[in-house]
Amino acid sequence: MIDPESRFEEQLDHLESAQRRFQAYKNYLARLDKQVEKGLITPEERIDIIAAELFRKDSRKEEAQEKARTDSLTGLPNRRAFDADYAELVQGKKPFGLLIVDLDHFKKINDTHGHGAGDDVLIQTSMLLRLNIREESDERGNQDIVSRIGKVGRIGGEEFAILLPDVSSIEDLRNIAERIRTSISSEPLQVTDEYGKKIQQQVTISLGGGLYTSGENPAEFFHRVDKRALYEAKGEGREGEGRNRTVILMPRKLTRQQAA
């Protein structure tokens, strides 16, 4: 028999999680409004982006399967889903881009403001990552249609991965990575600390990336991006001036291109 007190605590946890999701979504909408005001996106794009957020699940029939592939906090694909998507791209034998994103000094945020604030940061960061893997416009400058250029998933505590199937050049990969990096750090996120107080939290990220080409060992490629490129980005960003960095590895080579 389930203890009534345990059931009540579980319901409170669900309610708190729902409240945090609601607040994060309000903050996300406010950020979209600012982007419209600055002319970064059109009002029509804003509507399309919101619609995409609201209707990401296809049907109730797929809900159980989707739940097993979804990160419960952010709503992003989890590591299992990412691994499946990664394997599918590898089998396609076409070049694609991989970016791995790590939140800088995330433990400090948790230790200073509580895990609830950390959850807020993760949720809002996931929304911003989704926002930034879309096309700005087509060749004719038509910004009426928002199209996805990749998939983002949460693969660890404060680590995210982005697959970019239509990216086939180092330059394009670096440009997308820099767009993401500067967008995340452009303004503070509003989060709620452990005392229920709303605070402004500056967030920066480090990114490692690489361009997968046919013939590479998929496991070695991922390890190289995750353990070398990201490690270098974090090392160069956290030491010295403490700025976040992007490090993109060249295909099948040990050399790299870095964007400051």
Protein backbone atom coordinates (compact mmCIF):
# COMPACT_ATOMS: atom_id res chain seq x y z
CA MET A 1 0.00 0.00 0.00
CA ILE A 2 1.34 3.44 -0.94
CA ASP A 3 1.94 5.74 1.99
CA PRO A 4 -0.42 8.77 1.72
CA GLU A 5 2.36 11.09 2.85
CA SER A 6 4.68 9.78 0.15
CA ARG A 7 1.96 10.21 -2.46
CA PHE A 8 1.38 13.79 -1.29
CA GLU A 9 5.10 14.59 -1.49
CA GLU A 10 5.25 13.12 -4.98
CA GLN A 11 2.32 15.30 -6.06
CA LEU A 12 4.04 18.37 -4.60
CA ASP A 13 7.19 17.54 -6.56
CA HIS A 14 5.16 17.27 -9.78
CA LEU A 15 3.43 20.58 -9.02
CA GLU A 16 6.72 22.35 -8.33
CA SER A 17 8.18 20.98 -11.56
CA ALA A 18 5.13 22.17 -13.51
CA GLN A 19 5.38 25.63 -11.94
CA ARG A 20 9.04 25.90 -12.88
CA ARG A 21 8.27 24.84 -16.46
CA PHE A 22 5.51 27.45 -16.64
CA GLN A 23 7.77 30.22 -15.35
CA ALA A 24 10.58 29.17 -17.68
CA TYR A 25 8.19 29.31 -20.62
CA LYS A 26 7.03 32.82 -19.62
CA ASN A 27 10.67 33.93 -19.53
CA TYR A 28 11.22 32.30 -22.92
CA LEU A 29 8.27 34.21 -24.41
CA ALA A 30 9.62 37.47 -22.98
CA ARG A 31 12.96 36.77 -24.63
CA LEU A 32 11.26 36.11 -27.97
CA ASP A 33 9.42 39.43 -27.61
CA LYS A 34 12.75 41.20 -27.14
CA GLN A 35 14.10 39.53 -30.27
CA VAL A 36 11.09 40.81 -32.21
CA GLU A 37 11.66 44.32 -30.84
CA LYS A 38 15.32 44.19 -31.91
CA GLY A 39 14.37 42.94 -35.37
CA LEU A 40 16.19 39.63 -34.92
CA ILE A 41 13.05 37.66 -35.74
CA THR A 42 9.73 38.64 -37.29
CA PRO A 43 6.35 38.46 -35.48
CA GLU A 44 5.41 35.62 -37.82
CA GLU A 45 8.55 33.69 -36.86
CA ARG A 46 7.68 34.21 -33.19
CA ILE A 47 4.29 32.57 -33.76
CA ASP A 48 5.87 29.65 -35.63
CA ILE A 49 8.45 29.12 -32.87
CA ILE A 50 5.79 29.13 -30.16
CA ALA A 51 3.62 26.74 -32.15
CA ALA A 52 6.56 24.37 -32.56
CA GLU A 53 7.12 24.41 -28.80
CA LEU A 54 3.46 23.71 -28.03
CA PHE A 55 2.95 20.89 -30.50
CA ARG A 56 6.20 18.92 -30.43
CA LYS A 57 4.47 15.62 -29.63
CA ASP A 58 2.78 14.01 -32.60
CA SER A 59 0.09 11.92 -30.88
CA ARG A 60 -0.95 10.29 -27.61
CA LYS A 61 -0.29 6.89 -29.12
CA GLU A 62 3.43 7.66 -29.25
CA GLU A 63 3.50 9.21 -25.79
CA ALA A 64 4.88 6.19 -23.92
CA GLN A 65 7.64 5.66 -26.46
CA GLU A 66 8.40 9.36 -26.50
CA LYS A 67 8.65 9.46 -22.72
CA ALA A 68 11.40 6.83 -22.78
CA ARG A 69 13.36 9.00 -25.21
CA THR A 70 12.75 12.33 -23.46
CA ASP A 71 14.60 14.10 -20.68
CA SER A 72 12.01 14.69 -17.96
CA LEU A 73 13.32 18.12 -16.91
CA THR A 74 13.94 19.89 -20.21
CA GLY A 75 11.69 17.97 -22.58
CA LEU A 76 14.65 17.45 -24.92
CA PRO A 77 15.63 14.06 -26.35
CA ASN A 78 17.69 12.14 -23.78
CA ARG A 79 20.96 10.25 -24.26
CA ARG A 80 19.15 7.16 -25.57
CA ALA A 81 17.39 9.21 -28.24
CA PHE A 82 20.59 11.04 -29.12
CA ASP A 83 22.52 7.78 -29.57
CA ALA A 84 19.81 6.51 -31.94
CA ASP A 85 19.81 9.73 -33.97
CA TYR A 86 23.60 9.74 -34.08
CA ALA A 87 23.72 6.15 -35.33
CA GLU A 88 21.15 6.95 -38.00
CA LEU A 89 23.22 9.86 -39.32
CA VAL A 90 26.37 7.73 -39.37
CA GLN A 91 24.58 5.10 -41.45
CA GLY A 92 23.63 7.77 -43.96
CA LYS A 93 27.33 8.09 -44.87
CA LYS A 94 27.06 11.83 -45.41
CA PRO A 95 29.00 14.56 -43.59
CA PHE A 96 27.27 16.12 -40.59
CA GLY A 97 28.15 18.46 -37.79
CA LEU A 98 28.32 17.63 -34.10
CA LEU A 99 28.41 20.20 -31.30
CA ILE A 100 28.68 19.38 -27.62
CA VAL A 101 27.66 22.14 -25.22
CA ASP A 102 28.64 22.42 -21.57
CA LEU A 103 27.36 25.03 -19.12
CA ASP A 104 30.26 26.89 -17.50
CA HIS A 105 30.48 26.77 -13.70
CA PHE A 106 27.10 25.06 -13.35
CA LYS A 107 28.01 23.52 -9.99
CA LYS A 108 28.59 27.02 -8.63
CA ILE A 109 25.06 28.02 -9.65
CA ASN A 110 23.62 25.02 -7.81
CA ASP A 111 25.78 25.61 -4.74
CA THR A 112 25.04 29.33 -4.59
CA HIS A 113 21.35 29.51 -5.47
CA GLY A 114 20.05 25.95 -5.01
CA HIS A 115 19.17 23.11 -7.37
CA GLY A 116 15.88 24.74 -8.31
CA ALA A 117 17.79 27.65 -9.84
CA GLY A 118 20.02 25.14 -11.60
CA ASP A 119 16.95 23.43 -13.05
CA ASP A 120 15.65 26.80 -14.28
CA VAL A 121 18.96 27.40 -16.04
CA LEU A 122 18.84 23.98 -17.70
CA ILE A 123 15.25 24.43 -18.87
CA GLN A 124 15.80 27.91 -20.30
CA THR A 125 19.11 26.95 -21.89
CA SER A 126 17.41 24.02 -23.62
CA MET A 127 14.81 26.39 -25.05
CA LEU A 128 17.49 28.78 -26.31
CA LEU A 129 19.41 25.92 -27.92
CA ARG A 130 16.28 24.84 -29.80
CA LEU A 131 15.70 28.44 -30.86
CA ASN A 132 19.19 28.74 -32.29
CA ILE A 133 19.20 25.63 -34.47
CA ARG A 134 16.88 27.07 -37.05
CA GLU A 135 17.42 28.87 -40.32
CA GLU A 136 17.36 32.67 -40.12
CA SER A 137 15.99 32.91 -43.68
CA ASP A 138 16.20 31.29 -47.08
CA GLU A 139 18.34 32.54 -49.97
CA ARG A 140 15.71 35.09 -50.93
CA GLY A 141 15.52 36.50 -47.42
CA ASN A 142 12.11 35.01 -46.75
CA GLN A 143 11.74 34.79 -42.97
CA ASP A 144 8.14 33.60 -42.89
CA ILE A 145 9.06 29.94 -42.51
CA VAL A 146 11.01 28.64 -39.53
CA SER A 147 12.90 25.47 -40.44
CA ARG A 148 15.03 23.28 -38.21
CA ILE A 149 18.63 22.67 -39.18
CA GLY A 150 19.44 20.20 -36.41
CA LYS A 151 18.51 18.27 -33.30
CA VAL A 152 19.50 19.07 -29.74
CA GLY A 153 19.48 16.61 -26.83
CA ARG A 154 20.51 16.56 -23.19
CA ILE A 155 23.17 13.86 -22.80
CA GLY A 156 24.41 14.57 -19.27
CA GLY A 157 23.88 16.73 -16.22
CA GLU A 158 24.76 20.11 -17.77
CA GLU A 159 25.84 18.76 -21.14
CA PHE A 160 23.91 18.99 -24.39
CA ALA A 161 24.63 17.65 -27.88
CA ILE A 162 23.54 19.08 -31.22
CA LEU A 163 23.41 17.10 -34.47
CA LEU A 164 23.49 19.12 -37.68
CA PRO A 165 22.75 16.81 -40.64
CA ASP A 166 22.79 19.54 -43.29
CA VAL A 167 26.08 21.08 -42.24
CA SER A 168 29.01 19.95 -44.39
CA SER A 169 31.64 22.65 -43.87
CA ILE A 170 33.79 23.71 -40.94
CA GLU A 171 32.92 27.36 -41.57
CA ASP A 172 29.16 26.74 -41.31
CA LEU A 173 29.64 24.63 -38.19
CA ARG A 174 31.76 27.30 -36.55
CA ASN A 175 29.24 30.03 -37.43
CA ILE A 176 26.35 28.08 -35.93
CA ALA A 177 28.38 27.33 -32.79
CA GLU A 178 29.27 30.98 -32.35
CA ARG A 179 25.67 32.05 -32.88
CA ILE A 180 24.62 29.69 -30.12
CA ARG A 181 27.41 30.73 -27.76
CA THR A 182 26.80 34.46 -28.08
CA SER A 183 23.03 34.05 -27.85
CA ILE A 184 23.22 32.19 -24.53
CA SER A 185 25.50 34.80 -22.96
CA SER A 186 23.82 37.87 -24.50
CA GLU A 187 21.69 38.56 -21.43
CA PRO A 188 21.08 37.02 -17.99
CA LEU A 189 18.41 34.41 -17.38
CA GLN A 190 15.74 35.02 -14.77
CA VAL A 191 15.68 32.13 -12.29
CA THR A 192 14.24 31.43 -8.85
CA ASP A 193 16.67 30.76 -6.01
CA GLU A 194 16.21 28.39 -3.07
CA TYR A 195 14.36 31.10 -1.09
CA GLY A 196 11.83 31.77 -3.84
CA LYS A 197 13.48 35.02 -4.91
CA LYS A 198 13.76 35.84 -8.59
CA ILE A 199 17.34 36.64 -9.59
CA GLN A 200 19.25 37.41 -12.77
CA GLN A 201 21.81 34.69 -13.54
CA GLN A 202 24.46 35.22 -16.18
CA VAL A 203 25.13 31.99 -18.07
CA THR A 204 27.93 31.13 -20.47
CA ILE A 205 28.69 27.95 -22.34
CA SER A 206 31.68 26.19 -23.88
CA LEU A 207 31.34 24.24 -27.13
CA GLY A 208 33.34 21.51 -28.78
CA GLY A 209 32.56 20.54 -32.33
CA GLY A 210 33.60 18.52 -35.31
CA LEU A 211 32.55 17.53 -38.81
CA TYR A 212 31.92 13.81 -39.22
CA THR A 213 32.92 12.34 -42.57
CA SER A 214 32.28 8.88 -43.98
CA GLY A 215 34.89 6.34 -42.97
CA GLU A 216 35.58 7.72 -39.52
CA ASN A 217 35.03 5.55 -36.48
CA PRO A 218 31.81 6.97 -34.94
CA ALA A 219 32.80 6.23 -31.33
CA GLU A 220 36.27 7.71 -31.78
CA PHE A 221 34.85 10.79 -33.50
CA PHE A 222 32.39 11.44 -30.69
CA HIS A 223 35.10 10.89 -28.07
CA ARG A 224 37.41 13.29 -29.90
CA VAL A 225 34.78 16.03 -29.95
CA ASP A 226 33.60 15.41 -26.38
CA LYS A 227 36.93 14.79 -24.66
CA ARG A 228 39.30 16.87 -26.73
CA ALA A 229 37.46 19.76 -28.38
CA LEU A 230 35.12 20.43 -25.46
CA TYR A 231 37.90 19.89 -22.93
CA GLU A 232 40.06 22.45 -24.73
CA ALA A 233 37.17 24.91 -24.96
CA LYS A 234 36.48 24.62 -21.24
CA GLY A 235 40.14 24.77 -20.34
CA GLU A 236 40.80 27.86 -22.42
CA GLY A 237 37.60 29.52 -21.28
CA ARG A 238 37.83 28.82 -17.57
CA GLU A 239 41.48 29.75 -17.18
CA GLY A 240 43.06 33.14 -17.75
CA GLU A 241 40.31 35.63 -18.59
CA GLY A 242 37.60 33.09 -17.86
CA ARG A 243 35.70 33.55 -21.13
CA ASN A 244 33.71 30.81 -22.79
CA ARG A 245 35.10 29.42 -26.04
CA THR A 246 34.28 27.38 -29.11
CA VAL A 247 36.78 24.80 -30.38
CA ILE A 248 36.10 23.07 -33.70
CA LEU A 249 38.30 20.12 -34.69
CA MET A 250 39.28 19.63 -38.30
CA PRO A 251 38.07 16.37 -39.93
CA ARG A 252 40.37 13.40 -39.30
CA LYS A 253 43.13 15.71 -38.13
CA LEU A 254 44.50 16.76 -34.78
CA THR A 255 44.58 20.42 -35.75
CA ARG A 256 41.71 22.66 -34.81
CA GLN A 257 40.12 26.02 -35.49
CA GLN A 258 39.19 28.15 -32.53
CA ALA A 259 36.73 30.99 -32.41
CA ALA A 260 37.18 33.47 -29.58
